[in-house]
């Protein structure tokens, strides 16, 4: 019998970050992923942005999350000798003078101003991006090459012979109060990080998910020297010198992994008046974000089975949320440190007892 402290089920951004965090804290971690199962992390653009929405609202816990995530991904890059995290500012061109005035009002708040440069080089962007009224820059943003990151984490655990390529079927888990048995291996805890698939997990089907489908285009472009992420109703993310991603759609119906002509038309309409250089769409992808009804993640241990936990519901902000919350969850597992009540699944216990 081979024993491990933790079995992490699901290797999207949540599972990858939690497995790495526990491993670096001295735990023995097995990371499992189902072959060919669709993953939102493999589709997502991986953008992190501390200010979101039309009113540049600070994302939840931004002052804690963003310094932490920059340190986390940079440190993982160094340890794995890889390159996958790209700090970039977000350039937001104004649509009108009225919008410019509104944004100047929003950014007068010192808590918001720390993330903003109100005097970017608008002339640099002008040949490529429509910005007749100028724009502003959001700092501490960037993007994570999720496929590269996930692949390097998988390689790391594979080399340790602690990666399992298999579908962890719930009915094959033998759950005890202090451990879980799977395929002849005993684990202190099993933590599910399986994204939207958690809705099909009978152990956590009571959690109130509100998944959203998203679509992204990949396009070829020439003569586009901008390295910033551009955002004006839709984003333009430069992947390399000749490739951009355009996104993203949000839909709470037709929750499948199929791309649609409507999704492409929507995104192209969004950037038609924004991008001033020709482009050619060369790919389109779709994924389902594991969003929740109260827009807060799900962290904690099962109320009846303390050897089973969940780290999920990170929605569209998984790249920014995962490092900070993984550290918090690891401290909870190892030392009993309290979880933030806003993410603790205990907030949903009334739903569990109704089932």
Protein backbone atom coordinates (compact mmCIF):
# COMPACT_ATOMS: atom_id res chain seq x y z
CA UNK A 1 0.00 0.00 0.00
CA UNK A 2 1.24 3.47 -0.94
CA UNK A 3 0.07 6.25 1.33
CA UNK A 4 -0.23 9.95 0.64
CA UNK A 5 -1.39 12.82 2.79
CA UNK A 6 -3.70 14.34 0.18
CA UNK A 7 -5.36 13.33 -3.05
CA UNK A 8 -6.26 16.36 -5.18
CA UNK A 9 -8.96 15.55 -7.74
CA UNK A 10 -8.91 17.80 -10.79
CA UNK A 11 -5.98 19.58 -12.36
CA UNK A 12 -7.26 22.90 -13.56
CA UNK A 13 -5.86 26.07 -12.04
CA UNK A 14 -7.49 25.35 -8.64
CA UNK A 15 -6.14 21.82 -8.33
CA UNK A 16 -2.72 22.75 -9.69
CA UNK A 17 -2.28 25.66 -7.29
CA UNK A 18 -3.57 23.77 -4.25
CA UNK A 19 -1.43 20.70 -4.99
CA UNK A 20 1.68 22.86 -5.38
CA UNK A 21 0.92 24.83 -2.23
CA UNK A 22 0.48 21.72 -0.09
CA UNK A 23 3.55 20.11 -1.63
CA UNK A 24 5.70 23.15 -0.86
CA UNK A 25 4.43 23.09 2.74
CA UNK A 26 5.82 19.58 3.16
CA UNK A 27 2.75 17.47 2.46
CA UNK A 28 2.74 14.36 0.33
CA UNK A 29 0.33 15.13 -2.47
CA UNK A 30 -1.12 13.00 -5.23
CA UNK A 31 -2.66 14.94 -8.11
CA UNK A 32 -5.33 13.23 -10.23
CA UNK A 33 -6.94 14.31 -13.48
CA UNK A 34 -9.42 12.56 -15.74
CA UNK A 35 -8.19 11.83 -19.28
CA UNK A 36 -9.82 13.99 -21.96
CA UNK A 37 -12.30 15.57 -19.55
CA UNK A 38 -13.02 19.17 -20.62
CA UNK A 39 -11.46 21.83 -18.45
CA UNK A 40 -12.31 25.55 -18.26
CA UNK A 41 -8.68 26.24 -17.34
CA UNK A 42 -7.54 24.88 -20.70
CA UNK A 43 -9.78 27.39 -22.48
CA UNK A 44 -9.63 30.52 -20.33
CA UNK A 45 -7.43 33.48 -21.26
CA UNK A 46 -6.02 33.57 -17.72
CA UNK A 47 -6.30 37.34 -17.24
CA UNK A 48 -5.92 38.87 -13.77
CA UNK A 49 -7.30 42.37 -13.29
CA UNK A 50 -7.75 44.17 -9.95
CA UNK A 51 -10.38 46.60 -11.31
CA UNK A 52 -13.41 45.26 -13.13
CA UNK A 53 -16.73 46.41 -14.53
CA UNK A 54 -17.85 49.70 -15.95
CA UNK A 55 -17.17 51.51 -12.68
CA UNK A 56 -13.67 50.09 -12.11
CA UNK A 57 -14.68 48.31 -8.92
CA UNK A 58 -11.86 46.68 -6.97
CA UNK A 59 -12.21 42.94 -7.22
CA UNK A 60 -12.94 41.13 -3.95
CA UNK A 61 -9.90 41.16 -1.61
CA UNK A 62 -7.78 42.81 -4.32
CA UNK A 63 -5.30 44.34 -1.87
CA UNK A 64 -4.46 40.86 -0.56
CA UNK A 65 -4.88 38.80 -3.70
CA UNK A 66 -2.79 40.72 -6.20
CA UNK A 67 0.52 41.12 -4.35
CA UNK A 68 0.19 37.46 -3.36
CA UNK A 69 -0.51 36.12 -6.85
CA UNK A 70 2.39 38.07 -8.39
CA UNK A 71 4.79 36.55 -5.84
CA UNK A 72 3.27 33.09 -6.14
CA UNK A 73 3.44 32.65 -9.92
CA UNK A 74 6.87 34.26 -10.13
CA UNK A 75 8.21 31.88 -7.48
CA UNK A 76 6.71 28.84 -9.23
CA UNK A 77 8.30 29.97 -12.50
CA UNK A 78 11.69 30.14 -10.79
CA UNK A 79 11.36 26.71 -9.20
CA UNK A 80 10.11 25.01 -12.35
CA UNK A 81 12.40 26.95 -14.72
CA UNK A 82 9.39 27.88 -16.81
CA UNK A 83 7.80 30.99 -18.21
CA UNK A 84 4.04 31.30 -17.97
CA UNK A 85 3.17 34.42 -15.95
CA UNK A 86 3.08 37.72 -17.81
CA UNK A 87 2.50 40.90 -15.77
CA UNK A 88 0.81 43.43 -18.06
CA UNK A 89 -1.15 46.60 -17.60
CA UNK A 90 -4.70 46.80 -18.94
CA UNK A 91 -5.34 49.72 -21.26
CA UNK A 92 -8.95 50.96 -21.14
CA UNK A 93 -9.78 53.51 -23.87
CA UNK A 94 -12.66 55.85 -23.11
CA UNK A 95 -15.72 55.60 -25.30
CA UNK A 96 -16.74 59.22 -24.77
CA UNK A 97 -15.94 62.37 -22.83
CA UNK A 98 -18.76 61.49 -20.44
CA UNK A 99 -17.13 58.12 -19.73
CA UNK A 100 -13.76 59.82 -19.26
CA UNK A 101 -15.30 62.15 -16.69
CA UNK A 102 -16.97 59.23 -14.93
CA UNK A 103 -13.71 57.29 -14.76
CA UNK A 104 -11.87 60.28 -13.36
CA UNK A 105 -14.49 60.37 -10.62
CA UNK A 106 -14.14 56.66 -9.88
CA UNK A 107 -10.36 56.82 -9.77
CA UNK A 108 -10.34 59.77 -7.38
CA UNK A 109 -10.92 57.18 -4.65
CA UNK A 110 -7.43 56.52 -3.16
CA UNK A 111 -8.25 52.81 -2.82
CA UNK A 112 -8.77 52.65 -6.58
CA UNK A 113 -6.12 55.19 -7.57
CA UNK A 114 -3.30 52.90 -6.40
CA UNK A 115 -4.09 50.62 -9.31
CA UNK A 116 -4.41 53.31 -11.99
CA UNK A 117 -2.16 55.31 -14.27
CA UNK A 118 -4.31 58.11 -15.68
CA UNK A 119 -1.64 59.39 -18.05
CA UNK A 120 -0.69 56.54 -20.38
CA UNK A 121 0.95 57.16 -23.75
CA UNK A 122 -2.30 57.41 -25.70
CA UNK A 123 -0.45 58.28 -28.91
CA UNK A 124 1.32 54.94 -28.84
CA UNK A 125 -2.01 53.09 -28.90
CA UNK A 126 -3.74 55.37 -31.43
CA UNK A 127 -2.62 53.61 -34.66
CA UNK A 128 -3.88 50.26 -33.40
CA UNK A 129 -6.73 50.97 -30.96
CA UNK A 130 -9.57 53.48 -31.32
CA UNK A 131 -8.98 55.93 -28.48
CA UNK A 132 -10.15 59.37 -29.60
CA UNK A 133 -10.83 60.32 -25.97
CA UNK A 134 -7.69 58.78 -24.50
CA UNK A 135 -7.69 56.11 -21.85
CA UNK A 136 -6.21 54.89 -18.60
CA UNK A 137 -4.03 51.99 -17.49
CA UNK A 138 -4.86 49.48 -14.76
CA UNK A 139 -1.71 48.30 -13.01
CA UNK A 140 -0.90 44.99 -11.26
CA UNK A 141 -2.79 43.12 -13.98
CA UNK A 142 -1.49 40.43 -16.32
CA UNK A 143 -2.19 36.96 -17.68
CA UNK A 144 -1.23 33.39 -16.97
CA UNK A 145 -0.52 30.94 -19.78
CA UNK A 146 -2.76 28.32 -18.21
CA UNK A 147 -1.85 25.46 -20.51
CA UNK A 148 1.85 25.99 -19.89
CA UNK A 149 1.33 26.33 -16.13
CA UNK A 150 -0.88 23.25 -15.83
CA UNK A 151 1.49 21.18 -17.98
CA UNK A 152 4.53 22.11 -15.87
CA UNK A 153 2.69 21.28 -12.64
CA UNK A 154 1.65 17.93 -14.13
CA UNK A 155 5.24 17.19 -15.12
CA UNK A 156 6.44 18.08 -11.63
CA UNK A 157 4.09 15.60 -9.94
CA UNK A 158 4.65 12.98 -12.65
CA UNK A 159 8.39 13.03 -11.99
CA UNK A 160 7.65 12.42 -8.31
CA UNK A 161 5.39 9.54 -9.40
CA UNK A 162 2.50 11.31 -7.67
CA UNK A 163 0.29 12.01 -10.67
CA UNK A 164 -2.72 9.82 -11.47
CA UNK A 165 -4.31 10.02 -14.92
CA UNK A 166 -7.70 8.58 -14.09
CA UNK A 167 -11.30 9.47 -13.48
CA UNK A 168 -11.85 9.33 -9.73
CA UNK A 169 -15.27 7.73 -9.49
CA UNK A 170 -17.07 8.75 -6.31
CA UNK A 171 -18.57 5.32 -5.72
CA UNK A 172 -15.09 3.80 -5.67
CA UNK A 173 -13.96 5.93 -2.75
CA UNK A 174 -14.08 4.22 0.64
CA UNK A 175 -14.60 7.10 3.01
CA UNK A 176 -13.77 6.84 6.69
CA UNK A 177 -13.76 9.58 9.31
CA UNK A 178 -9.98 9.93 9.25
CA UNK A 179 -9.02 8.73 5.75
CA UNK A 180 -10.16 7.79 2.27
CA UNK A 181 -9.19 4.67 0.34
CA UNK A 182 -8.92 4.73 -3.44
CA UNK A 183 -7.44 2.02 -5.62
CA UNK A 184 -5.43 0.51 -2.77
CA UNK A 185 -4.07 3.82 -1.58
CA UNK A 186 -4.95 5.47 1.68
CA UNK A 187 -5.15 9.26 1.87
CA UNK A 188 -5.65 11.47 4.88
CA UNK A 189 -7.95 13.65 2.80
CA UNK A 190 -9.38 13.85 -0.69
CA UNK A 191 -9.93 17.40 -1.97
CA UNK A 192 -12.14 17.90 -5.00
CA UNK A 193 -10.98 20.66 -7.35
CA UNK A 194 -12.99 19.50 -10.35
CA UNK A 195 -14.58 22.79 -11.39
CA UNK A 196 -18.07 22.66 -12.77
CA UNK A 197 -18.01 18.86 -12.56
CA UNK A 198 -18.55 19.26 -8.81
CA UNK A 199 -22.25 19.67 -9.60
CA UNK A 200 -22.29 15.96 -10.49
CA UNK A 201 -20.48 14.94 -7.33
CA UNK A 202 -23.12 13.56 -4.92
CA UNK A 203 -20.99 14.68 -1.99
CA UNK A 204 -21.20 18.35 -3.00
CA UNK A 205 -24.22 18.54 -5.32
CA UNK A 206 -26.00 20.66 -2.68
CA UNK A 207 -23.66 23.62 -3.20
CA UNK A 208 -25.32 26.46 -5.16
CA UNK A 209 -23.33 26.72 -8.36
CA UNK A 210 -24.31 29.14 -11.11
CA UNK A 211 -22.08 28.12 -14.04
CA UNK A 212 -21.52 30.43 -16.97
CA UNK A 213 -20.41 29.51 -20.47
CA UNK A 214 -17.66 31.58 -22.03
CA UNK A 215 -16.21 31.71 -25.53
CA UNK A 216 -12.89 33.12 -26.73
CA UNK A 217 -11.49 33.70 -30.22
CA UNK A 218 -7.87 33.25 -31.26
CA UNK A 219 -6.78 35.49 -34.12
CA UNK A 220 -3.71 36.14 -36.23
CA UNK A 221 -2.67 39.77 -36.50
CA UNK A 222 0.24 41.65 -38.03
CA UNK A 223 1.72 45.03 -37.19
CA UNK A 224 0.38 44.99 -33.63
CA UNK A 225 3.23 45.90 -31.23
CA UNK A 226 1.00 46.41 -28.19
CA UNK A 227 1.83 44.22 -25.20
CA UNK A 228 -0.90 45.61 -22.96
CA UNK A 229 -4.21 43.86 -22.51
CA UNK A 230 -6.86 46.13 -24.03
CA UNK A 231 -10.34 46.12 -22.51
CA UNK A 232 -13.40 47.99 -23.69
CA UNK A 233 -16.44 45.76 -23.40
CA UNK A 234 -14.29 42.90 -24.69
CA UNK A 235 -10.62 42.17 -24.19
CA UNK A 236 -7.75 41.89 -26.65
CA UNK A 237 -4.91 39.83 -25.21
CA UNK A 238 -1.59 39.68 -27.10
CA UNK A 239 -0.29 36.12 -26.78
CA UNK A 240 2.78 36.66 -28.95
CA UNK A 241 3.90 38.94 -31.80
CA UNK A 242 1.32 37.59 -34.24
CA UNK A 243 -1.44 36.08 -32.08
CA UNK A 244 -4.18 37.66 -29.99
CA UNK A 245 -7.12 36.33 -28.02
CA UNK A 246 -10.46 38.11 -28.07
CA UNK A 247 -13.05 37.55 -25.37
CA UNK A 248 -15.15 36.78 -23.70
CA UNK A 249 -18.83 35.90 -23.81
CA UNK A 250 -21.01 35.13 -20.79
CA UNK A 251 -24.04 32.88 -21.04
CA UNK A 252 -26.05 31.09 -18.35
CA UNK A 253 -27.91 28.82 -20.76
CA UNK A 254 -26.84 26.18 -23.29
CA UNK A 255 -24.19 25.02 -20.85
CA UNK A 256 -22.14 22.84 -23.17
CA UNK A 257 -18.57 22.96 -24.42
CA UNK A 258 -19.48 23.77 -28.02
CA UNK A 259 -18.56 26.98 -29.81
CA UNK A 260 -21.29 28.91 -31.60
CA UNK A 261 -21.55 31.25 -34.56
CA UNK A 262 -23.47 33.66 -32.31
CA UNK A 263 -20.55 33.74 -29.88
CA UNK A 264 -18.10 34.59 -32.65
CA UNK A 265 -20.39 37.26 -34.09
CA UNK A 266 -20.83 38.84 -30.65
CA UNK A 267 -17.09 39.09 -30.03
CA UNK A 268 -16.30 40.40 -33.49
CA UNK A 269 -18.97 43.06 -33.11
CA UNK A 270 -17.42 44.10 -29.80
CA UNK A 271 -14.00 44.75 -31.30
CA UNK A 272 -15.03 45.95 -34.75
CA UNK A 273 -14.73 49.60 -33.76
CA UNK A 274 -11.93 49.01 -31.24
CA UNK A 275 -9.20 47.17 -33.12
CA UNK A 276 -7.85 49.25 -35.99
CA UNK A 277 -5.67 46.64 -37.68
CA UNK A 278 -6.79 43.64 -39.76
CA UNK A 279 -7.06 40.27 -38.07
CA UNK A 280 -7.96 36.71 -39.03
CA UNK A 281 -9.78 34.38 -36.66
CA UNK A 282 -7.91 31.06 -36.55
CA UNK A 283 -9.61 29.42 -33.58
CA UNK A 284 -12.56 29.51 -31.21
CA UNK A 285 -12.98 27.78 -27.88
CA UNK A 286 -15.68 27.43 -25.24
CA UNK A 287 -15.66 26.50 -21.58
CA UNK A 288 -17.91 26.50 -18.55
CA UNK A 289 -16.85 28.65 -15.62
CA UNK A 290 -17.60 27.13 -12.17
CA UNK A 291 -19.27 30.28 -10.88
CA UNK A 292 -21.44 30.37 -7.75
CA UNK A 293 -24.70 32.10 -6.93
CA UNK A 294 -23.16 34.42 -4.35
CA UNK A 295 -19.97 34.90 -6.42
CA UNK A 296 -17.75 33.47 -3.72
CA UNK A 297 -15.70 30.26 -3.92
CA UNK A 298 -16.41 27.04 -2.06
CA UNK A 299 -13.75 25.95 0.44
CA UNK A 300 -14.08 23.50 3.28
CA UNK A 301 -14.64 19.96 4.45
CA UNK A 302 -17.80 17.95 3.99
CA UNK A 303 -20.12 18.34 7.01
CA UNK A 304 -20.51 14.57 7.43
CA UNK A 305 -17.15 13.35 6.07
CA UNK A 306 -14.22 15.40 7.41
CA UNK A 307 -11.77 13.43 5.26
CA UNK A 308 -13.35 14.90 2.10
CA UNK A 309 -13.03 18.53 1.06
CA UNK A 310 -13.65 20.91 -1.79
CA UNK A 311 -11.68 23.79 -3.28
CA UNK A 312 -13.78 25.15 -6.10
CA UNK A 313 -16.29 27.65 -7.39
CA UNK A 314 -13.58 30.11 -8.37
CA UNK A 315 -15.53 31.20 -11.44
CA UNK A 316 -13.87 33.54 -13.93
CA UNK A 317 -11.29 34.76 -11.40
CA UNK A 318 -9.61 31.45 -10.70
CA UNK A 319 -6.12 32.63 -11.65
CA UNK A 320 -6.26 35.54 -9.21
CA UNK A 321 -8.14 33.77 -6.41
CA UNK A 322 -6.38 30.40 -6.36
CA UNK A 323 -2.94 31.28 -4.87
CA UNK A 324 -4.22 33.28 -1.89
CA UNK A 325 -7.11 30.95 -1.12
CA UNK A 326 -4.97 27.82 -1.56
CA UNK A 327 -2.60 29.13 1.07
CA UNK A 328 -5.54 29.87 3.38
CA UNK A 329 -7.06 26.44 2.77
CA UNK A 330 -3.71 24.73 3.38
CA UNK A 331 -3.35 26.56 6.70
CA UNK A 332 -6.85 25.46 7.60
CA UNK A 333 -6.04 21.83 6.79
CA UNK A 334 -2.67 21.78 8.54
CA UNK A 335 -3.15 24.05 11.54
CA UNK A 336 -6.89 24.56 11.89
CA UNK A 337 -6.67 28.25 11.00
CA UNK A 338 -10.17 29.56 10.32
CA UNK A 339 -11.34 30.01 6.76
CA UNK A 340 -12.76 33.32 5.62
CA UNK A 341 -16.52 32.98 6.29
CA UNK A 342 -17.27 34.35 2.82
CA UNK A 343 -15.66 31.32 1.17
CA UNK A 344 -16.31 28.65 3.80
CA UNK A 345 -18.94 26.14 2.63
CA UNK A 346 -20.47 26.31 6.09
CA UNK A 347 -22.36 29.34 4.79
CA UNK A 348 -24.38 26.87 2.68
CA UNK A 349 -25.05 24.24 5.35
CA UNK A 350 -28.78 24.93 5.41
CA UNK A 351 -28.90 23.64 1.82
CA UNK A 352 -27.09 20.47 2.81
CA UNK A 353 -29.56 19.68 5.57
CA UNK A 354 -32.48 20.16 3.19
CA UNK A 355 -31.22 17.41 0.92
